[in-house]
Every structure is written in structure tokens, then in C-alpha cells.
Amino acid sequence: ALDVALLALSWHQLNEHELNCYHYNAVIDACAKTCAWTEALQLFEVMTHGVVEADIITFSAMVSACDKATDWGKALHLCSIMTKNNMEMDTIIFNAAISACKHDGMWQEALQLFCAMTQYVVVSDQVTFNAAISACEKGNAWETAFLLFSMMAPHRVEKDTITFSALVSAYAEGGEWEKVFQLFSVMSHSKVE
């Protein structure tokens, strides 16, 4: 898919067709989906230094590419560009940025993004909570992981296997074995398998 997308973009350029945001977004999205994040970043640079203005779809694909590349720094940088340009951020962008933070255990950055969602009036969902709990797990912050876990019910967000697994891992990393066994008890009484 990526080869076809890059070929189509090149064909348009060679035939002197005017390229727009839609063309770049399609190729950047293909790059993100195939973990070709360096190519996505190069296209983003070409796009933003040219006459084509990036939109929310562009940034969403780019932040997703950063997540797949486990590059939380670039993901946060892209979010800051969006903020400076007064662009509307959505749940998908926040989820991808929080997820990028989890790879290196950057739980504080993930938590800042999580908290910023309310400032931007963006709804957090199951993916949001799971990514933030996983970031806490990787960052050895089991207390914060539990706090996020306990916030899910008031936010009407269902817990799933990923949620419980991340919290179990967070407790285990923190040596909180009693809490692990308590959580297994909660799991056995819930609908989660």
C-alpha cells in the first residue's frame, strides 16, 4: 500500500498536478499504517514547508506514526504545534500521543495529556485510559495507574482485559502482590475474561 501511495504522489508531481492536503494525508496515513514513520515525517516536512497546509487529519496520522515509532518526543511536539496554531485536537490524537508516551514509561507526560483532554473538552475513552494506565505501568507508577483505573467508572468507561492486565503489571512492578490478588478477585466478579 505504501509503495502504491508513494508512486501515486510522485506521478501527480511529475505530471504537474496540484497536490493538496488530501494527497499528502493519504500517503502519510499509509506510511503510519506500515510503520514507515521516517517517510511520514519527511512528507510532513515537505508538506508544511510547501504551499499545502496540514490539517487535523495530517496531524492525526503523524501522531499515530510517532506512536508506532515509539517517539513520544515528536508526538508531543506535534501536539504543541497544534496548540500554537489553535487547531482542534480530538480523542484520536490524544490517544495516539498518550500511547506514544507509554512505550518509554513517560507516565507524567501521558498524565499531562490525559488532564489536557478536559481543558480541550475532549472525551476520554477506553483507549485513553488503557494507554495512560500502561504508561504508568511502564513508568513504575502503580498509584497513579490505580487512580486512573478508579476514574473509569465515574467516566462511564468500561474496563477490559487490557485495563486489568496493565494494572496487574503496574502492581507487580511495584511489588504490590496483595493488590494483584485483590484485583484478580475483582476480575473474577466482573464480566472481563
C-alpha atoms as a PDB file:
ATOM      1  CA  ALA A   1       0.000   0.000   0.000  1.00  0.00           C
ATOM      2  CA  LEU A   2       2.835   2.373   0.862  1.00  0.00           C
ATOM      3  CA  ASP A   3       4.635   1.799  -2.458  1.00  0.00           C
ATOM      4  CA  VAL A   4       1.429   2.485  -4.378  1.00  0.00           C
ATOM      5  CA  ALA A   5       0.733   5.651  -2.359  1.00  0.00           C
ATOM      6  CA  LEU A   6       4.266   6.987  -2.895  1.00  0.00           C
ATOM      7  CA  LEU A   7       4.097   6.115  -6.583  1.00  0.00           C
ATOM      8  CA  ALA A   8       0.766   7.929  -6.959  1.00  0.00           C
ATOM      9  CA  LEU A   9       2.148  11.008  -5.203  1.00  0.00           C
ATOM     10  CA  SER A  10       5.225  11.001  -7.475  1.00  0.00           C
ATOM     11  CA  TRP A  11       3.039  10.578 -10.561  1.00  0.00           C
ATOM     12  CA  HIS A  12       0.978  13.624  -9.583  1.00  0.00           C
ATOM     13  CA  GLN A  13       4.131  15.669  -9.054  1.00  0.00           C
ATOM     14  CA  LEU A  14       5.691  14.569 -12.361  1.00  0.00           C
ATOM     15  CA  ASN A  15       2.530  15.432 -14.259  1.00  0.00           C
ATOM     16  CA  GLU A  16       2.474  18.818 -12.539  1.00  0.00           C
ATOM     17  CA  HIS A  17      -0.864  18.210 -10.885  1.00  0.00           C
ATOM     18  CA  GLU A  18      -1.576  20.462  -7.979  1.00  0.00           C
ATOM     19  CA  LEU A  19      -1.134  18.463  -4.792  1.00  0.00           C
ATOM     20  CA  ASN A  20      -3.417  19.218  -1.894  1.00  0.00           C
ATOM     21  CA  CYS A  21      -3.783  18.155   1.718  1.00  0.00           C
ATOM     22  CA  TYR A  22      -5.852  15.128   0.697  1.00  0.00           C
ATOM     23  CA  HIS A  23      -2.988  13.689  -1.392  1.00  0.00           C
ATOM     24  CA  TYR A  24      -0.406  14.135   1.346  1.00  0.00           C
ATOM     25  CA  ASN A  25      -2.756  12.840   4.037  1.00  0.00           C
ATOM     26  CA  ALA A  26      -3.395   9.627   2.112  1.00  0.00           C
ATOM     27  CA  VAL A  27       0.315   8.911   1.747  1.00  0.00           C
ATOM     28  CA  ILE A  28       1.184   9.957   5.314  1.00  0.00           C
ATOM     29  CA  ASP A  29      -1.608   7.701   6.587  1.00  0.00           C
ATOM     30  CA  ALA A  30      -0.247   4.808   4.504  1.00  0.00           C
ATOM     31  CA  CYS A  31       3.210   5.477   5.978  1.00  0.00           C
ATOM     32  CA  ALA A  32       1.800   5.493   9.508  1.00  0.00           C
ATOM     33  CA  LYS A  33      -0.055   2.223   8.971  1.00  0.00           C
ATOM     34  CA  THR A  34       3.045   0.490   7.603  1.00  0.00           C
ATOM     35  CA  CYS A  35       5.387   1.811  10.311  1.00  0.00           C
ATOM     36  CA  ALA A  36       7.288   3.894   7.752  1.00  0.00           C
ATOM     37  CA  TRP A  37       7.411   6.804  10.153  1.00  0.00           C
ATOM     38  CA  THR A  38      10.594   8.341   8.710  1.00  0.00           C
ATOM     39  CA  GLU A  39       8.901   8.618   5.332  1.00  0.00           C
ATOM     40  CA  ALA A  40       5.804  10.075   7.019  1.00  0.00           C
ATOM     41  CA  LEU A  41       7.955  12.681   8.764  1.00  0.00           C
ATOM     42  CA  GLN A  42       9.741  13.557   5.511  1.00  0.00           C
ATOM     43  CA  LEU A  43       6.427  14.010   3.714  1.00  0.00           C
ATOM     44  CA  PHE A  44       5.133  16.115   6.593  1.00  0.00           C
ATOM     45  CA  GLU A  45       8.219  18.355   6.329  1.00  0.00           C
ATOM     46  CA  VAL A  46       7.800  18.699   2.543  1.00  0.00           C
ATOM     47  CA  MET A  47       4.118  19.422   3.010  1.00  0.00           C
ATOM     48  CA  THR A  48       4.479  22.025   5.757  1.00  0.00           C
ATOM     49  CA  HIS A  49       7.375  23.810   4.052  1.00  0.00           C
ATOM     50  CA  GLY A  50       5.457  23.968   0.798  1.00  0.00           C
ATOM     51  CA  VAL A  51       2.182  25.599  -0.011  1.00  0.00           C
ATOM     52  CA  VAL A  52      -0.026  22.852   1.418  1.00  0.00           C
ATOM     53  CA  GLU A  53      -1.334  23.447   4.922  1.00  0.00           C
ATOM     54  CA  ALA A  54      -1.553  20.472   7.277  1.00  0.00           C
ATOM     55  CA  ASP A  55      -4.960  19.767   8.812  1.00  0.00           C
ATOM     56  CA  ILE A  56      -6.228  17.702  11.738  1.00  0.00           C
ATOM     57  CA  ILE A  57      -6.115  14.529   9.627  1.00  0.00           C
ATOM     58  CA  THR A  58      -2.455  15.172   8.819  1.00  0.00           C
ATOM     59  CA  PHE A  59      -1.581  15.674  12.467  1.00  0.00           C
ATOM     60  CA  SER A  60      -3.614  12.646  13.499  1.00  0.00           C
ATOM     61  CA  ALA A  61      -1.703  10.434  11.045  1.00  0.00           C
ATOM     62  CA  MET A  62       1.607  11.946  12.129  1.00  0.00           C
ATOM     63  CA  VAL A  63       0.973  11.438  15.854  1.00  0.00           C
ATOM     64  CA  SER A  64      -0.098   7.858  15.095  1.00  0.00           C
ATOM     65  CA  ALA A  65       3.153   7.356  13.169  1.00  0.00           C
ATOM     66  CA  CYS A  66       5.076   8.669  16.208  1.00  0.00           C
ATOM     67  CA  ASP A  67       3.210   6.198  18.414  1.00  0.00           C
ATOM     68  CA  LYS A  68       4.193   3.316  16.158  1.00  0.00           C
ATOM     69  CA  ALA A  69       7.768   4.619  16.093  1.00  0.00           C
ATOM     70  CA  THR A  70       7.693   4.924  19.908  1.00  0.00           C
ATOM     71  CA  ASP A  71       8.774   8.548  19.547  1.00  0.00           C
ATOM     72  CA  TRP A  72       6.895  10.323  22.323  1.00  0.00           C
ATOM     73  CA  GLY A  73       9.001  13.487  21.917  1.00  0.00           C
ATOM     74  CA  LYS A  74       7.883  14.065  18.329  1.00  0.00           C
ATOM     75  CA  ALA A  75       4.292  13.204  19.258  1.00  0.00           C
ATOM     76  CA  LEU A  76       4.314  15.879  21.988  1.00  0.00           C
ATOM     77  CA  HIS A  77       5.988  18.341  19.618  1.00  0.00           C
ATOM     78  CA  LEU A  78       3.222  17.814  17.051  1.00  0.00           C
ATOM     79  CA  CYS A  79       0.595  18.354  19.761  1.00  0.00           C
ATOM     80  CA  SER A  80       2.288  21.607  20.761  1.00  0.00           C
ATOM     81  CA  ILE A  81       2.260  22.777  17.121  1.00  0.00           C
ATOM     82  CA  MET A  82      -1.461  22.080  17.021  1.00  0.00           C
ATOM     83  CA  THR A  83      -1.977  24.054  20.224  1.00  0.00           C
ATOM     84  CA  LYS A  84       0.057  27.011  18.946  1.00  0.00           C
ATOM     85  CA  ASN A  85      -1.952  27.015  15.715  1.00  0.00           C
ATOM     86  CA  ASN A  86      -5.261  26.811  17.618  1.00  0.00           C
ATOM     87  CA  MET A  87      -6.110  23.530  15.917  1.00  0.00           C
ATOM     88  CA  GLU A  88      -8.817  21.377  17.428  1.00  0.00           C
ATOM     89  CA  MET A  89      -7.423  18.217  18.994  1.00  0.00           C
ATOM     90  CA  ASP A  90      -9.609  15.136  19.209  1.00  0.00           C
ATOM     91  CA  THR A  91      -9.668  11.874  21.150  1.00  0.00           C
ATOM     92  CA  ILE A  92      -7.738  10.024  18.443  1.00  0.00           C
ATOM     93  CA  ILE A  93      -4.818  12.459  18.553  1.00  0.00           C
ATOM     94  CA  PHE A  94      -4.684  12.457  22.355  1.00  0.00           C
ATOM     95  CA  ASN A  95      -4.881   8.652  22.431  1.00  0.00           C
ATOM     96  CA  ALA A  96      -2.003   8.295  19.971  1.00  0.00           C
ATOM     97  CA  ALA A  97       0.146  10.801  21.894  1.00  0.00           C
ATOM     98  CA  ILE A  98      -0.577   9.109  25.244  1.00  0.00           C
ATOM     99  CA  SER A  99       0.157   5.751  23.658  1.00  0.00           C
ATOM    100  CA  ALA A 100       3.489   7.069  22.330  1.00  0.00           C
ATOM    101  CA  CYS A 101       4.398   8.063  25.900  1.00  0.00           C
ATOM    102  CA  LYS A 102       3.690   4.592  27.253  1.00  0.00           C
ATOM    103  CA  HIS A 103       6.488   2.964  25.265  1.00  0.00           C
ATOM    104  CA  ASP A 104       9.210   4.636  27.303  1.00  0.00           C
ATOM    105  CA  GLY A 105       7.244   4.793  30.545  1.00  0.00           C
ATOM    106  CA  MET A 106       6.748   8.550  30.248  1.00  0.00           C
ATOM    107  CA  TRP A 107       3.790   8.406  32.602  1.00  0.00           C
ATOM    108  CA  GLN A 108       3.980  12.051  33.702  1.00  0.00           C
ATOM    109  CA  GLU A 109       3.758  13.253  30.109  1.00  0.00           C
ATOM    110  CA  ALA A 110       0.929  10.800  29.450  1.00  0.00           C
ATOM    111  CA  LEU A 111      -0.882  12.097  32.532  1.00  0.00           C
ATOM    112  CA  GLN A 112      -0.425  15.712  31.396  1.00  0.00           C
ATOM    113  CA  LEU A 113      -2.006  14.826  28.061  1.00  0.00           C
ATOM    114  CA  PHE A 114      -4.796  12.962  29.853  1.00  0.00           C
ATOM    115  CA  CYS A 115      -5.521  16.027  32.005  1.00  0.00           C
ATOM    116  CA  ALA A 116      -5.313  18.356  28.994  1.00  0.00           C
ATOM    117  CA  MET A 117      -8.211  16.484  27.420  1.00  0.00           C
ATOM    118  CA  THR A 118     -10.637  18.084  29.884  1.00  0.00           C
ATOM    119  CA  GLN A 119      -9.141  21.504  29.174  1.00  0.00           C
ATOM    120  CA  TYR A 120      -9.844  20.975  25.469  1.00  0.00           C
ATOM    121  CA  VAL A 121     -13.241  19.402  26.216  1.00  0.00           C
ATOM    122  CA  VAL A 122     -12.198  16.138  24.586  1.00  0.00           C
ATOM    123  CA  VAL A 123     -13.821  12.939  25.835  1.00  0.00           C
ATOM    124  CA  SER A 124     -11.529  10.211  27.136  1.00  0.00           C
ATOM    125  CA  ASP A 125     -12.405   6.656  26.179  1.00  0.00           C
ATOM    126  CA  GLN A 126     -11.258   3.128  26.930  1.00  0.00           C
ATOM    127  CA  VAL A 127      -8.177   3.525  24.709  1.00  0.00           C
ATOM    128  CA  THR A 128      -7.260   6.733  26.556  1.00  0.00           C
ATOM    129  CA  PHE A 129      -7.443   5.112  29.975  1.00  0.00           C
ATOM    130  CA  ASN A 130      -5.677   1.930  28.867  1.00  0.00           C
ATOM    131  CA  ALA A 131      -2.805   3.869  27.288  1.00  0.00           C
ATOM    132  CA  ALA A 132      -2.418   6.108  30.357  1.00  0.00           C
ATOM    133  CA  ILE A 133      -2.524   3.124  32.745  1.00  0.00           C
ATOM    134  CA  SER A 134       0.041   1.323  30.566  1.00  0.00           C
ATOM    135  CA  ALA A 135       2.304   4.389  30.668  1.00  0.00           C
ATOM    136  CA  CYS A 136       2.058   4.353  34.470  1.00  0.00           C
ATOM    137  CA  GLU A 137       2.806   0.629  34.485  1.00  0.00           C
ATOM    138  CA  LYS A 138       5.924   1.106  32.354  1.00  0.00           C
ATOM    139  CA  GLY A 139       6.953   4.099  34.476  1.00  0.00           C
ATOM    140  CA  ASN A 140       6.532   2.169  37.735  1.00  0.00           C
ATOM    141  CA  ALA A 141       3.766   4.489  38.969  1.00  0.00           C
ATOM    142  CA  TRP A 142       1.235   1.968  40.263  1.00  0.00           C
ATOM    143  CA  GLU A 143      -0.530   4.512  42.500  1.00  0.00           C
ATOM    144  CA  THR A 144      -1.352   6.707  39.505  1.00  0.00           C
ATOM    145  CA  ALA A 145      -2.326   3.644  37.468  1.00  0.00           C
ATOM    146  CA  PHE A 146      -4.824   2.735  40.202  1.00  0.00           C
ATOM    147  CA  LEU A 147      -6.128   6.309  40.318  1.00  0.00           C
ATOM    148  CA  LEU A 148      -6.807   6.204  36.575  1.00  0.00           C
ATOM    149  CA  PHE A 149      -8.397   2.759  36.936  1.00  0.00           C
ATOM    150  CA  SER A 150     -10.729   4.085  39.651  1.00  0.00           C
ATOM    151  CA  MET A 151     -11.728   7.048  37.462  1.00  0.00           C
ATOM    152  CA  MET A 152     -13.076   4.807  34.705  1.00  0.00           C
ATOM    153  CA  ALA A 153     -16.455   4.054  36.320  1.00  0.00           C
ATOM    154  CA  PRO A 154     -17.339   7.720  37.018  1.00  0.00           C
ATOM    155  CA  HIS A 155     -16.397   8.497  33.410  1.00  0.00           C
ATOM    156  CA  ARG A 156     -18.647   5.611  32.277  1.00  0.00           C
ATOM    157  CA  VAL A 157     -15.741   3.857  30.581  1.00  0.00           C
ATOM    158  CA  GLU A 158     -15.737   0.057  30.667  1.00  0.00           C
ATOM    159  CA  LYS A 159     -12.717  -1.839  31.871  1.00  0.00           C
ATOM    160  CA  ASP A 160     -11.451  -4.584  29.599  1.00  0.00           C
ATOM    161  CA  THR A 161      -8.734  -7.227  29.621  1.00  0.00           C
ATOM    162  CA  ILE A 162      -6.114  -4.646  28.622  1.00  0.00           C
ATOM    163  CA  THR A 163      -7.117  -2.420  31.538  1.00  0.00           C
ATOM    164  CA  PHE A 164      -6.816  -5.192  34.109  1.00  0.00           C
ATOM    165  CA  SER A 165      -3.633  -6.548  32.560  1.00  0.00           C
ATOM    166  CA  ALA A 166      -1.919  -3.140  32.669  1.00  0.00           C
ATOM    167  CA  LEU A 167      -2.955  -2.590  36.289  1.00  0.00           C
ATOM    168  CA  VAL A 168      -1.816  -6.089  37.313  1.00  0.00           C
ATOM    169  CA  SER A 169       1.551  -5.376  35.673  1.00  0.00           C
ATOM    170  CA  ALA A 170       1.772  -1.989  37.399  1.00  0.00           C
ATOM    171  CA  TYR A 171       1.121  -3.591  40.789  1.00  0.00           C
ATOM    172  CA  ALA A 172       3.622  -6.361  40.073  1.00  0.00           C
ATOM    173  CA  GLU A 173       6.298  -3.838  39.016  1.00  0.00           C
ATOM    174  CA  GLY A 174       5.702  -2.013  42.294  1.00  0.00           C
ATOM    175  CA  GLY A 175       5.882  -5.229  44.317  1.00  0.00           C
ATOM    176  CA  GLU A 176       2.257  -4.815  45.400  1.00  0.00           C
ATOM    177  CA  TRP A 177       1.394  -8.521  45.313  1.00  0.00           C
ATOM    178  CA  GLU A 178      -1.519  -8.249  47.726  1.00  0.00           C
ATOM    179  CA  LYS A 179      -3.145  -5.741  45.380  1.00  0.00           C
ATOM    180  CA  VAL A 180      -2.543  -8.125  42.448  1.00  0.00           C
ATOM    181  CA  PHE A 181      -4.518 -10.844  44.253  1.00  0.00           C
ATOM    182  CA  GLN A 182      -7.259  -8.357  45.168  1.00  0.00           C
ATOM    183  CA  LEU A 183      -7.511  -7.333  41.534  1.00  0.00           C
ATOM    184  CA  PHE A 184      -7.827 -10.971  40.447  1.00  0.00           C
ATOM    185  CA  SER A 185     -10.753 -11.237  42.838  1.00  0.00           C
ATOM    186  CA  VAL A 186     -12.380  -8.155  41.282  1.00  0.00           C
ATOM    187  CA  MET A 187     -11.783  -9.603  37.802  1.00  0.00           C
ATOM    188  CA  SER A 188     -13.450 -12.885  38.704  1.00  0.00           C
ATOM    189  CA  HIS A 189     -16.606 -10.993  39.714  1.00  0.00           C
ATOM    190  CA  SER A 190     -16.666  -8.800  36.625  1.00  0.00           C
ATOM    191  CA  LYS A 191     -17.595  -9.529  33.034  1.00  0.00           C
ATOM    192  CA  VAL A 192     -13.969  -9.317  31.890  1.00  0.00           C
ATOM    193  CA  GLU A 193     -12.416 -12.596  30.821  1.00  0.00           C
END
